[in-house]
C-alpha cells in the first residue's frame, strides 16, 4: 500500500471529514460506503441573467465502488441523491467524484 493510499484511507476514516452513506447502483443491492460530500455553489450564466445553483459533489473511494454510473443513488444524512453525468476519477485513480442532484 502506497503512502497516498494510506493518506486517502485516513482521510475517509476521519469522522470530521467523511461520513457513512448508502450507495445503491441502478438495479443493484445497496452497500454502505464512506463519502466526502461537497456542496459548492455554482453561478450559471444564461444570456444576461446569472442563476445561482447549489450543486452536490460526492467523493467515494474506487476501492468501495468499482464502476459508478449516472442514475445510481446515494443516501446521505437522510437525503437521497441521484448521480448524474459521468463520474470522474482523480489523478491517482483512487477517488471517484460524482455530481449528484436531489432524488
N, C-alpha and C. Protein backbone atom coordinates (compact mmCIF):
# COMPACT_ATOMS: atom_id res chain seq x y z
N UNK A 1 0.85 -1.18 0.00
CA UNK A 1 0.00 0.00 0.00
C UNK A 1 0.89 1.24 0.00
N UNK A 2 0.63 2.15 -0.94
CA UNK A 2 1.46 3.35 -1.05
C UNK A 2 1.10 4.37 0.03
N UNK A 3 1.94 5.34 0.16
CA UNK A 3 1.71 6.43 1.12
C UNK A 3 0.42 7.17 0.75
N UNK A 4 0.18 7.34 -0.53
CA UNK A 4 -1.04 8.03 -0.97
C UNK A 4 -2.28 7.22 -0.60
N UNK A 5 -2.22 5.89 -0.80
CA UNK A 5 -3.33 5.02 -0.39
C UNK A 5 -3.62 5.18 1.10
N UNK A 6 -2.57 5.19 1.90
CA UNK A 6 -2.73 5.33 3.34
C UNK A 6 -3.34 6.68 3.70
N UNK A 7 -2.91 7.73 3.03
CA UNK A 7 -3.46 9.07 3.30
C UNK A 7 -4.94 9.13 2.94
N UNK A 8 -5.32 8.53 1.82
CA UNK A 8 -6.73 8.51 1.40
C UNK A 8 -7.56 7.73 2.42
N UNK A 9 -7.04 6.59 2.87
CA UNK A 9 -7.76 5.81 3.88
C UNK A 9 -7.97 6.60 5.17
N UNK A 10 -6.93 7.33 5.60
CA UNK A 10 -7.07 8.16 6.81
C UNK A 10 -8.08 9.27 6.60
N UNK A 11 -8.05 9.89 5.44
CA UNK A 11 -8.99 10.97 5.13
C UNK A 11 -10.43 10.46 5.20
N UNK A 12 -10.71 9.32 4.60
CA UNK A 12 -12.06 8.78 4.59
C UNK A 12 -12.46 8.18 5.94
N UNK A 13 -11.50 7.89 6.80
CA UNK A 13 -11.81 7.38 8.13
C UNK A 13 -12.10 8.50 9.13
N UNK A 14 -11.68 9.73 8.81
CA UNK A 14 -11.86 10.86 9.72
C UNK A 14 -13.33 11.24 9.81
N UNK A 15 -13.95 11.13 11.00
CA UNK A 15 -15.38 11.45 11.14
C UNK A 15 -15.70 12.93 10.97
N UNK A 16 -14.70 13.80 11.01
CA UNK A 16 -14.93 15.22 10.79
C UNK A 16 -14.98 15.57 9.30
N UNK A 17 -14.52 14.65 8.47
CA UNK A 17 -14.46 14.92 7.03
C UNK A 17 -15.41 14.01 6.26
N UNK A 18 -15.34 12.71 6.51
CA UNK A 18 -16.13 11.73 5.76
C UNK A 18 -17.28 11.20 6.61
N UNK A 19 -18.32 10.74 5.92
CA UNK A 19 -19.50 10.20 6.62
C UNK A 19 -19.94 8.92 5.94
N UNK A 20 -20.69 8.14 6.68
CA UNK A 20 -21.25 6.91 6.12
C UNK A 20 -22.44 7.27 5.23
N UNK A 21 -22.57 6.55 4.14
CA UNK A 21 -23.68 6.74 3.20
C UNK A 21 -24.07 5.38 2.65
N UNK A 22 -25.24 5.32 2.04
CA UNK A 22 -25.69 4.10 1.39
C UNK A 22 -25.69 4.36 -0.10
N UNK A 23 -24.94 3.54 -0.82
CA UNK A 23 -24.83 3.66 -2.27
C UNK A 23 -25.61 2.51 -2.90
N UNK A 24 -26.52 2.85 -3.80
CA UNK A 24 -27.33 1.83 -4.47
C UNK A 24 -27.16 1.97 -5.98
N UNK A 25 -26.45 1.03 -6.60
CA UNK A 25 -26.32 1.10 -8.06
C UNK A 25 -27.67 0.82 -8.71
N UNK A 26 -27.91 1.41 -9.87
CA UNK A 26 -29.17 1.18 -10.58
C UNK A 26 -29.35 -0.33 -10.79
N UNK A 27 -30.43 -0.87 -10.23
CA UNK A 27 -30.72 -2.29 -10.38
C UNK A 27 -29.89 -3.19 -9.49
N UNK A 28 -29.16 -2.62 -8.53
CA UNK A 28 -28.29 -3.43 -7.67
C UNK A 28 -28.66 -3.34 -6.21
N UNK A 29 -27.89 -4.01 -5.40
CA UNK A 29 -28.12 -4.03 -3.95
C UNK A 29 -27.37 -2.87 -3.28
N UNK A 30 -27.97 -2.29 -2.24
CA UNK A 30 -27.31 -1.18 -1.54
C UNK A 30 -26.09 -1.64 -0.75
N UNK A 31 -25.09 -0.76 -0.69
CA UNK A 31 -23.89 -1.02 0.11
C UNK A 31 -23.57 0.23 0.91
N UNK A 32 -23.01 0.04 2.09
CA UNK A 32 -22.59 1.16 2.92
C UNK A 32 -21.17 1.56 2.52
N UNK A 33 -20.96 2.84 2.31
CA UNK A 33 -19.66 3.38 1.91
C UNK A 33 -19.35 4.62 2.74
N UNK A 34 -18.10 5.05 2.68
CA UNK A 34 -17.70 6.32 3.29
C UNK A 34 -17.57 7.35 2.18
N UNK A 35 -18.14 8.53 2.37
CA UNK A 35 -18.10 9.56 1.34
C UNK A 35 -17.68 10.90 1.94
N UNK A 36 -17.19 11.75 1.06
CA UNK A 36 -16.94 13.15 1.41
C UNK A 36 -17.85 13.96 0.51
N UNK A 37 -18.80 14.64 1.13
CA UNK A 37 -19.78 15.43 0.38
C UNK A 37 -19.34 16.88 0.32
N UNK A 38 -19.44 17.46 -0.86
CA UNK A 38 -19.12 18.87 -1.06
C UNK A 38 -20.32 19.49 -1.73
N UNK A 39 -20.68 20.67 -1.31
CA UNK A 39 -21.83 21.35 -1.91
C UNK A 39 -21.45 22.77 -2.31
N UNK A 40 -20.55 22.89 -3.29
CA UNK A 40 -20.16 24.23 -3.73
C UNK A 40 -21.29 24.89 -4.52
N UNK A 41 -21.41 26.19 -4.37
CA UNK A 41 -22.38 26.93 -5.16
C UNK A 41 -21.82 27.13 -6.57
N UNK A 42 -22.70 27.22 -7.52
CA UNK A 42 -22.29 27.42 -8.90
C UNK A 42 -23.11 28.57 -9.48
N UNK A 43 -22.45 29.47 -10.17
CA UNK A 43 -23.13 30.57 -10.84
C UNK A 43 -23.18 30.23 -12.33
N UNK A 44 -24.38 30.15 -12.88
CA UNK A 44 -24.56 29.78 -14.28
C UNK A 44 -25.05 31.01 -15.04
N UNK A 45 -24.33 31.35 -16.09
CA UNK A 45 -24.73 32.48 -16.92
C UNK A 45 -25.68 32.03 -18.02
N UNK A 46 -26.75 32.77 -18.18
CA UNK A 46 -27.72 32.49 -19.24
C UNK A 46 -28.13 33.82 -19.84
N UNK A 47 -27.57 34.12 -21.00
CA UNK A 47 -27.77 35.40 -21.65
C UNK A 47 -27.28 36.49 -20.69
N UNK A 48 -28.15 37.40 -20.30
CA UNK A 48 -27.74 38.45 -19.36
C UNK A 48 -28.14 38.13 -17.93
N UNK A 49 -28.60 36.94 -17.72
CA UNK A 49 -29.05 36.52 -16.40
C UNK A 49 -28.03 35.60 -15.77
N UNK A 50 -27.86 35.72 -14.47
CA UNK A 50 -26.99 34.80 -13.73
C UNK A 50 -27.87 34.01 -12.77
N UNK A 51 -27.72 32.72 -12.80
CA UNK A 51 -28.51 31.84 -11.94
C UNK A 51 -27.60 31.21 -10.91
N UNK A 52 -28.00 31.30 -9.66
CA UNK A 52 -27.26 30.69 -8.55
C UNK A 52 -27.84 29.30 -8.32
N UNK A 53 -27.00 28.28 -8.47
CA UNK A 53 -27.48 26.91 -8.31
C UNK A 53 -26.60 26.17 -7.31
N UNK A 54 -27.23 25.47 -6.40
CA UNK A 54 -26.49 24.62 -5.49
C UNK A 54 -26.14 23.32 -6.19
N UNK A 55 -24.95 22.81 -5.94
CA UNK A 55 -24.54 21.55 -6.53
C UNK A 55 -24.14 20.59 -5.42
N UNK A 56 -24.12 19.32 -5.73
CA UNK A 56 -23.65 18.31 -4.78
C UNK A 56 -22.61 17.47 -5.48
N UNK A 57 -21.41 17.44 -4.91
CA UNK A 57 -20.34 16.60 -5.40
C UNK A 57 -20.03 15.60 -4.29
N UNK A 58 -19.96 14.34 -4.64
CA UNK A 58 -19.74 13.30 -3.64
C UNK A 58 -18.52 12.50 -4.03
N UNK A 59 -17.52 12.47 -3.14
CA UNK A 59 -16.30 11.69 -3.36
C UNK A 59 -16.45 10.35 -2.66
N UNK A 60 -16.05 9.29 -3.34
CA UNK A 60 -16.07 7.94 -2.77
C UNK A 60 -14.85 7.20 -3.31
N UNK A 61 -14.29 6.32 -2.50
CA UNK A 61 -13.10 5.58 -2.91
C UNK A 61 -13.41 4.58 -4.02
N UNK A 62 -12.51 4.47 -4.96
CA UNK A 62 -12.63 3.49 -6.04
C UNK A 62 -12.64 2.08 -5.45
N UNK A 63 -11.96 1.88 -4.34
CA UNK A 63 -11.94 0.56 -3.70
C UNK A 63 -13.31 0.15 -3.17
N UNK A 64 -14.22 1.11 -2.97
CA UNK A 64 -15.56 0.80 -2.47
C UNK A 64 -16.60 0.69 -3.59
N UNK A 65 -16.40 1.45 -4.65
CA UNK A 65 -17.33 1.42 -5.79
C UNK A 65 -16.49 1.31 -7.05
N UNK A 66 -16.57 0.17 -7.72
CA UNK A 66 -15.73 -0.08 -8.88
C UNK A 66 -16.14 0.76 -10.09
N UNK A 67 -17.43 0.79 -10.39
CA UNK A 67 -17.89 1.49 -11.59
C UNK A 67 -19.21 2.21 -11.36
N UNK A 68 -19.16 3.40 -10.77
CA UNK A 68 -20.40 4.16 -10.60
C UNK A 68 -20.93 4.63 -11.94
N UNK A 69 -22.23 4.82 -11.99
CA UNK A 69 -22.86 5.26 -13.24
C UNK A 69 -23.93 6.31 -12.94
N UNK A 70 -24.25 7.07 -13.96
CA UNK A 70 -25.34 8.01 -13.86
C UNK A 70 -26.62 7.23 -13.54
N UNK A 71 -27.40 7.73 -12.62
CA UNK A 71 -28.63 7.06 -12.20
C UNK A 71 -28.50 6.29 -10.90
N UNK A 72 -27.26 6.04 -10.45
CA UNK A 72 -27.07 5.39 -9.15
C UNK A 72 -27.53 6.33 -8.05
N UNK A 73 -27.92 5.76 -6.90
CA UNK A 73 -28.45 6.57 -5.80
C UNK A 73 -27.50 6.57 -4.61
N UNK A 74 -27.47 7.71 -3.91
CA UNK A 74 -26.68 7.86 -2.69
C UNK A 74 -27.58 8.44 -1.62
N UNK A 75 -27.68 7.75 -0.49
CA UNK A 75 -28.44 8.26 0.65
C UNK A 75 -27.44 8.74 1.69
N UNK A 76 -27.56 10.02 2.06
CA UNK A 76 -26.60 10.65 2.96
C UNK A 76 -27.32 11.59 3.91
N UNK A 77 -27.14 11.37 5.19
CA UNK A 77 -27.75 12.24 6.21
C UNK A 77 -29.25 12.41 6.01
N UNK A 78 -29.95 11.35 5.65
CA UNK A 78 -31.39 11.39 5.48
C UNK A 78 -31.87 11.99 4.17
N UNK A 79 -30.95 12.33 3.28
CA UNK A 79 -31.31 12.87 1.98
C UNK A 79 -30.86 11.91 0.89
N UNK A 80 -31.68 11.79 -0.15
CA UNK A 80 -31.35 10.91 -1.27
C UNK A 80 -30.90 11.75 -2.46
N UNK A 81 -29.85 11.26 -3.13
CA UNK A 81 -29.31 11.91 -4.31
C UNK A 81 -29.22 10.91 -5.44
N UNK A 82 -29.24 11.42 -6.67
CA UNK A 82 -29.06 10.59 -7.86
C UNK A 82 -27.82 11.10 -8.58
N UNK A 83 -26.90 10.19 -8.90
CA UNK A 83 -25.70 10.57 -9.65
C UNK A 83 -26.11 10.95 -11.06
N UNK A 84 -25.50 12.01 -11.57
CA UNK A 84 -25.80 12.44 -12.93
C UNK A 84 -24.48 12.73 -13.65
N UNK A 85 -24.47 12.52 -14.94
CA UNK A 85 -23.25 12.74 -15.70
C UNK A 85 -22.24 11.63 -15.48
N UNK A 86 -21.08 11.80 -16.08
CA UNK A 86 -20.02 10.81 -15.98
C UNK A 86 -19.22 11.01 -14.69
N UNK A 87 -19.05 9.97 -13.89
CA UNK A 87 -18.17 10.07 -12.71
C UNK A 87 -16.73 10.33 -13.17
N UNK A 88 -15.96 11.03 -12.36
CA UNK A 88 -14.59 11.39 -12.69
C UNK A 88 -13.66 10.85 -11.61
N UNK A 89 -12.54 10.25 -12.05
CA UNK A 89 -11.54 9.77 -11.09
C UNK A 89 -10.42 10.79 -10.94
N UNK A 90 -9.80 10.81 -9.78
CA UNK A 90 -8.67 11.70 -9.54
C UNK A 90 -7.44 11.20 -10.29
N UNK A 91 -6.37 11.98 -10.25
CA UNK A 91 -5.15 11.64 -10.99
C UNK A 91 -4.54 10.32 -10.54
N UNK A 92 -4.68 9.99 -9.26
CA UNK A 92 -4.13 8.74 -8.73
C UNK A 92 -5.06 7.56 -8.96
N UNK A 93 -6.27 7.84 -9.44
CA UNK A 93 -7.29 6.82 -9.72
C UNK A 93 -7.74 6.09 -8.45
N UNK A 94 -7.85 6.86 -7.36
CA UNK A 94 -8.25 6.30 -6.07
C UNK A 94 -9.62 6.78 -5.62
N UNK A 95 -10.07 7.92 -6.15
CA UNK A 95 -11.32 8.53 -5.70
C UNK A 95 -12.20 8.86 -6.91
N UNK A 96 -13.47 8.48 -6.82
CA UNK A 96 -14.48 8.91 -7.78
C UNK A 96 -15.11 10.20 -7.26
N UNK A 97 -15.40 11.14 -8.14
CA UNK A 97 -16.22 12.30 -7.80
C UNK A 97 -17.50 12.18 -8.62
N UNK A 98 -18.62 12.13 -7.91
CA UNK A 98 -19.92 12.02 -8.55
C UNK A 98 -20.67 13.33 -8.40
N UNK A 99 -21.17 13.84 -9.50
CA UNK A 99 -22.06 15.00 -9.43
C UNK A 99 -23.45 14.43 -9.17
N UNK A 100 -24.16 15.03 -8.24
CA UNK A 100 -25.48 14.47 -7.86
C UNK A 100 -26.52 15.57 -7.75
N UNK A 101 -27.76 15.14 -7.86
CA UNK A 101 -28.90 16.04 -7.69
C UNK A 101 -29.85 15.39 -6.67
N UNK A 102 -30.67 16.18 -6.00
CA UNK A 102 -31.63 15.57 -5.08
C UNK A 102 -32.55 14.60 -5.83
N UNK A 103 -32.88 13.50 -5.18
CA UNK A 103 -33.75 12.48 -5.79
C UNK A 103 -35.19 12.89 -5.72
